[in-house]
Amino acid sequence: MWYLIEGYDGPQGVEKRPDARPAHMARLVELRDAGRLLLAGPCPAIDAADPGPAGFSGSAVVAQFESLQAARAWAEADPYVAAGVYERVEVRPFKPVLP
C-alpha cells in the first residue's frame, strides 16, 4: 500500500538540514531503486522554488510499505528526525489516482 509521510520542520530545520541531507537522500534512493517511491521533495517555506534562507516548512514522501506500522517505523528512523530537522512526522495511507 502507498503511504504519505509528511515531515514538519522545527525552528532550527534550515540550519540542520545540510548535515543530515546525504543520509536522508540515501534512504529515498533506496526506495526509488526498489520501485517503491512515487514522489519525494521538500516544501519551500515561501512561494519560491529556491527559498534561500527562509528554508523549508517540511517534506513529503509517498512510498509503498507493507503496513502503516512499517511506514511509521521507516519515517521515525529518518536522519532528519534524528538530527532534529523535523519536529513531527505524520504518516497516513495514500491512494494514487492520477496520472
N, C-alpha and C. Protein backbone atom coordinates (compact mmCIF):
# COMPACT_ATOMS: atom_id res chain seq x y z
N MET A 1 0.85 -1.18 0.00
CA MET A 1 0.00 0.00 0.00
C MET A 1 0.89 1.24 0.00
N TRP A 2 0.36 2.31 -0.54
CA TRP A 2 1.07 3.59 -0.56
C TRP A 2 0.78 4.36 0.73
N TYR A 3 1.78 5.13 1.17
CA TYR A 3 1.63 5.95 2.37
C TYR A 3 2.23 7.33 2.11
N LEU A 4 1.55 8.34 2.65
CA LEU A 4 2.04 9.71 2.60
C LEU A 4 2.73 10.00 3.92
N ILE A 5 3.99 10.38 3.83
CA ILE A 5 4.77 10.73 5.00
C ILE A 5 5.06 12.23 4.92
N GLU A 6 4.61 12.96 5.94
CA GLU A 6 4.84 14.40 5.97
C GLU A 6 5.70 14.73 7.19
N GLY A 7 6.86 15.29 6.92
CA GLY A 7 7.74 15.76 7.99
C GLY A 7 7.62 17.26 8.09
N TYR A 8 7.48 17.75 9.30
CA TYR A 8 7.33 19.19 9.54
C TYR A 8 8.58 19.72 10.23
N ASP A 9 9.24 20.67 9.58
CA ASP A 9 10.48 21.21 10.11
C ASP A 9 10.26 21.96 11.42
N GLY A 10 11.22 21.79 12.32
CA GLY A 10 11.23 22.56 13.56
C GLY A 10 11.90 23.91 13.32
N PRO A 11 12.01 24.72 14.35
CA PRO A 11 12.56 26.06 14.21
C PRO A 11 14.01 26.11 13.71
N GLN A 12 14.79 25.08 13.95
CA GLN A 12 16.18 25.04 13.51
C GLN A 12 16.38 24.17 12.27
N GLY A 13 15.28 23.80 11.61
CA GLY A 13 15.36 22.89 10.46
C GLY A 13 16.28 23.38 9.37
N VAL A 14 16.22 24.64 9.03
CA VAL A 14 17.03 25.17 7.94
C VAL A 14 18.52 25.01 8.22
N GLU A 15 18.91 25.15 9.48
CA GLU A 15 20.33 25.01 9.83
C GLU A 15 20.76 23.54 9.90
N LYS A 16 19.83 22.66 10.25
CA LYS A 16 20.17 21.25 10.47
C LYS A 16 20.07 20.39 9.21
N ARG A 17 19.34 20.85 8.22
CA ARG A 17 19.13 20.04 7.01
C ARG A 17 20.43 19.66 6.30
N PRO A 18 21.35 20.58 6.04
CA PRO A 18 22.52 20.23 5.22
C PRO A 18 23.32 19.04 5.74
N ASP A 19 23.53 18.94 7.03
CA ASP A 19 24.34 17.84 7.57
C ASP A 19 23.63 16.49 7.46
N ALA A 20 22.30 16.49 7.61
CA ALA A 20 21.54 15.24 7.58
C ALA A 20 21.09 14.85 6.18
N ARG A 21 21.20 15.76 5.22
CA ARG A 21 20.65 15.51 3.88
C ARG A 21 21.25 14.30 3.17
N PRO A 22 22.55 14.08 3.15
CA PRO A 22 23.08 12.92 2.42
C PRO A 22 22.48 11.59 2.90
N ALA A 23 22.38 11.39 4.21
CA ALA A 23 21.80 10.14 4.73
C ALA A 23 20.30 10.07 4.44
N HIS A 24 19.62 11.20 4.54
CA HIS A 24 18.19 11.27 4.22
C HIS A 24 17.97 10.89 2.76
N MET A 25 18.76 11.46 1.86
CA MET A 25 18.62 11.18 0.43
C MET A 25 18.96 9.73 0.10
N ALA A 26 19.93 9.17 0.77
CA ALA A 26 20.31 7.78 0.51
C ALA A 26 19.14 6.83 0.77
N ARG A 27 18.36 7.10 1.80
CA ARG A 27 17.19 6.25 2.09
C ARG A 27 16.13 6.40 1.01
N LEU A 28 15.96 7.60 0.49
CA LEU A 28 14.99 7.82 -0.58
C LEU A 28 15.44 7.13 -1.87
N VAL A 29 16.73 7.18 -2.15
CA VAL A 29 17.26 6.50 -3.34
C VAL A 29 17.03 4.99 -3.22
N GLU A 30 17.19 4.44 -2.03
CA GLU A 30 16.91 3.01 -1.82
C GLU A 30 15.46 2.68 -2.17
N LEU A 31 14.53 3.50 -1.70
CA LEU A 31 13.11 3.29 -2.03
C LEU A 31 12.89 3.39 -3.53
N ARG A 32 13.48 4.41 -4.15
CA ARG A 32 13.34 4.59 -5.59
C ARG A 32 13.87 3.39 -6.35
N ASP A 33 15.05 2.96 -6.00
CA ASP A 33 15.68 1.84 -6.70
C ASP A 33 14.92 0.54 -6.52
N ALA A 34 14.16 0.43 -5.43
CA ALA A 34 13.33 -0.75 -5.19
C ALA A 34 11.96 -0.63 -5.85
N GLY A 35 11.71 0.51 -6.54
CA GLY A 35 10.43 0.72 -7.21
C GLY A 35 9.30 1.04 -6.24
N ARG A 36 9.64 1.56 -5.06
CA ARG A 36 8.64 1.81 -4.03
C ARG A 36 8.39 3.30 -3.76
N LEU A 37 9.00 4.18 -4.55
CA LEU A 37 8.86 5.62 -4.32
C LEU A 37 8.05 6.25 -5.43
N LEU A 38 6.97 6.92 -5.06
CA LEU A 38 6.14 7.63 -6.04
C LEU A 38 6.64 9.07 -6.19
N LEU A 39 6.92 9.72 -5.07
CA LEU A 39 7.45 11.09 -5.10
C LEU A 39 8.07 11.43 -3.76
N ALA A 40 8.94 12.42 -3.78
CA ALA A 40 9.56 12.92 -2.55
C ALA A 40 10.09 14.31 -2.82
N GLY A 41 9.96 15.18 -1.85
CA GLY A 41 10.53 16.51 -2.00
C GLY A 41 10.19 17.41 -0.85
N PRO A 42 10.95 18.50 -0.73
CA PRO A 42 10.72 19.47 0.33
C PRO A 42 9.63 20.47 -0.06
N CYS A 43 9.07 21.12 0.97
CA CYS A 43 8.06 22.16 0.78
C CYS A 43 8.69 23.50 1.15
N PRO A 44 8.97 24.36 0.16
CA PRO A 44 9.57 25.65 0.47
C PRO A 44 8.70 26.44 1.46
N ALA A 45 9.35 27.15 2.37
CA ALA A 45 8.63 27.93 3.37
C ALA A 45 8.02 29.19 2.79
N ILE A 46 8.47 29.57 1.59
CA ILE A 46 7.90 30.73 0.90
C ILE A 46 7.57 30.31 -0.53
N ASP A 47 6.86 31.14 -1.24
CA ASP A 47 6.43 30.83 -2.61
C ASP A 47 7.58 31.06 -3.59
N ALA A 48 8.56 30.14 -3.54
CA ALA A 48 9.73 30.23 -4.41
C ALA A 48 10.35 28.85 -4.54
N ALA A 49 10.81 28.55 -5.73
CA ALA A 49 11.47 27.25 -5.94
C ALA A 49 12.72 27.13 -5.08
N ASP A 50 13.46 28.22 -4.94
CA ASP A 50 14.63 28.26 -4.06
C ASP A 50 14.33 29.24 -2.94
N PRO A 51 13.95 28.74 -1.77
CA PRO A 51 13.54 29.64 -0.69
C PRO A 51 14.68 30.34 0.02
N GLY A 52 15.93 30.02 -0.35
CA GLY A 52 17.07 30.67 0.29
C GLY A 52 17.04 30.50 1.80
N PRO A 53 17.32 31.58 2.54
CA PRO A 53 17.39 31.47 3.99
C PRO A 53 16.05 31.16 4.66
N ALA A 54 14.94 31.33 3.94
CA ALA A 54 13.62 31.01 4.52
C ALA A 54 13.51 29.50 4.75
N GLY A 55 14.24 28.73 3.93
CA GLY A 55 14.26 27.29 4.11
C GLY A 55 12.97 26.60 3.71
N PHE A 56 12.68 25.51 4.41
CA PHE A 56 11.55 24.66 4.08
C PHE A 56 10.65 24.49 5.30
N SER A 57 9.38 24.29 5.04
CA SER A 57 8.44 24.05 6.15
C SER A 57 8.36 22.57 6.47
N GLY A 58 8.88 21.75 5.57
CA GLY A 58 8.85 20.30 5.77
C GLY A 58 9.09 19.59 4.47
N SER A 59 8.68 18.32 4.43
CA SER A 59 8.86 17.48 3.24
C SER A 59 7.71 16.50 3.13
N ALA A 60 7.53 15.99 1.91
CA ALA A 60 6.52 14.96 1.66
C ALA A 60 7.17 13.80 0.92
N VAL A 61 6.76 12.60 1.30
CA VAL A 61 7.22 11.37 0.65
C VAL A 61 5.99 10.50 0.45
N VAL A 62 5.83 9.97 -0.75
CA VAL A 62 4.79 8.96 -1.00
C VAL A 62 5.52 7.70 -1.44
N ALA A 63 5.38 6.65 -0.63
CA ALA A 63 6.11 5.42 -0.89
C ALA A 63 5.28 4.21 -0.47
N GLN A 64 5.66 3.06 -1.01
CA GLN A 64 4.99 1.80 -0.67
C GLN A 64 5.66 1.13 0.52
N PHE A 65 4.82 0.63 1.42
CA PHE A 65 5.27 -0.15 2.56
C PHE A 65 4.27 -1.27 2.77
N GLU A 66 4.67 -2.30 3.51
CA GLU A 66 3.80 -3.45 3.73
C GLU A 66 2.68 -3.15 4.72
N SER A 67 2.85 -2.09 5.53
CA SER A 67 1.82 -1.74 6.52
C SER A 67 2.03 -0.32 7.00
N LEU A 68 1.02 0.20 7.66
CA LEU A 68 1.14 1.52 8.27
C LEU A 68 2.23 1.52 9.33
N GLN A 69 2.33 0.46 10.10
CA GLN A 69 3.38 0.36 11.11
C GLN A 69 4.77 0.41 10.47
N ALA A 70 4.94 -0.28 9.35
CA ALA A 70 6.23 -0.27 8.66
C ALA A 70 6.55 1.13 8.13
N ALA A 71 5.56 1.82 7.60
CA ALA A 71 5.76 3.18 7.11
C ALA A 71 6.13 4.11 8.24
N ARG A 72 5.46 3.97 9.38
CA ARG A 72 5.77 4.81 10.53
C ARG A 72 7.18 4.53 11.05
N ALA A 73 7.55 3.27 11.10
CA ALA A 73 8.89 2.91 11.57
C ALA A 73 9.95 3.49 10.64
N TRP A 74 9.73 3.40 9.32
CA TRP A 74 10.67 3.95 8.36
C TRP A 74 10.79 5.46 8.56
N ALA A 75 9.65 6.13 8.72
CA ALA A 75 9.64 7.59 8.89
C ALA A 75 10.36 8.01 10.17
N GLU A 76 10.13 7.30 11.24
CA GLU A 76 10.75 7.65 12.52
C GLU A 76 12.26 7.42 12.52
N ALA A 77 12.73 6.55 11.62
CA ALA A 77 14.17 6.27 11.53
C ALA A 77 14.88 7.23 10.57
N ASP A 78 14.16 8.20 10.04
CA ASP A 78 14.76 9.13 9.08
C ASP A 78 15.85 9.97 9.75
N PRO A 79 16.95 10.19 9.07
CA PRO A 79 18.01 11.04 9.62
C PRO A 79 17.54 12.45 9.95
N TYR A 80 16.54 12.95 9.26
CA TYR A 80 16.01 14.28 9.59
C TYR A 80 15.33 14.27 10.95
N VAL A 81 14.76 13.16 11.36
CA VAL A 81 14.18 13.05 12.70
C VAL A 81 15.31 13.05 13.73
N ALA A 82 16.30 12.20 13.50
CA ALA A 82 17.42 12.08 14.45
C ALA A 82 18.17 13.39 14.60
N ALA A 83 18.29 14.15 13.52
CA ALA A 83 19.05 15.42 13.56
C ALA A 83 18.22 16.58 14.08
N GLY A 84 16.93 16.38 14.28
CA GLY A 84 16.08 17.47 14.76
C GLY A 84 15.60 18.40 13.68
N VAL A 85 15.73 18.00 12.40
CA VAL A 85 15.19 18.81 11.32
C VAL A 85 13.67 18.83 11.44
N TYR A 86 13.09 17.62 11.55
CA TYR A 86 11.63 17.51 11.70
C TYR A 86 11.28 17.58 13.18
N GLU A 87 10.26 18.39 13.49
CA GLU A 87 9.76 18.40 14.86
C GLU A 87 8.61 17.42 15.02
N ARG A 88 7.98 17.05 13.90
CA ARG A 88 6.97 16.00 13.95
C ARG A 88 6.82 15.38 12.57
N VAL A 89 6.33 14.14 12.56
CA VAL A 89 6.12 13.40 11.32
C VAL A 89 4.74 12.76 11.38
N GLU A 90 3.99 12.89 10.30
CA GLU A 90 2.68 12.26 10.19
C GLU A 90 2.72 11.26 9.04
N VAL A 91 2.09 10.12 9.24
CA VAL A 91 2.05 9.07 8.23
C VAL A 91 0.60 8.61 8.09
N ARG A 92 0.14 8.54 6.86
CA ARG A 92 -1.23 8.04 6.63
C ARG A 92 -1.30 7.35 5.28
N PRO A 93 -2.28 6.46 5.12
CA PRO A 93 -2.45 5.78 3.84
C PRO A 93 -2.72 6.79 2.72
N PHE A 94 -2.31 6.42 1.51
CA PHE A 94 -2.45 7.29 0.35
C PHE A 94 -2.91 6.44 -0.82
N LYS A 95 -3.85 6.98 -1.60
CA LYS A 95 -4.35 6.27 -2.77
C LYS A 95 -4.07 7.10 -4.03
N PRO A 96 -3.07 6.73 -4.83
CA PRO A 96 -2.81 7.46 -6.06
C PRO A 96 -3.98 7.29 -7.03
N VAL A 97 -4.40 8.36 -7.66
CA VAL A 97 -5.48 8.31 -8.64
C VAL A 97 -4.99 8.79 -10.02
N LEU A 98 -4.32 9.92 -10.05
CA LEU A 98 -3.81 10.48 -11.30
C LEU A 98 -2.33 10.78 -11.14
N PRO A 99 -1.51 10.78 -12.12
CA PRO A 99 -1.82 10.49 -13.51
C PRO A 99 -1.99 9.01 -13.75
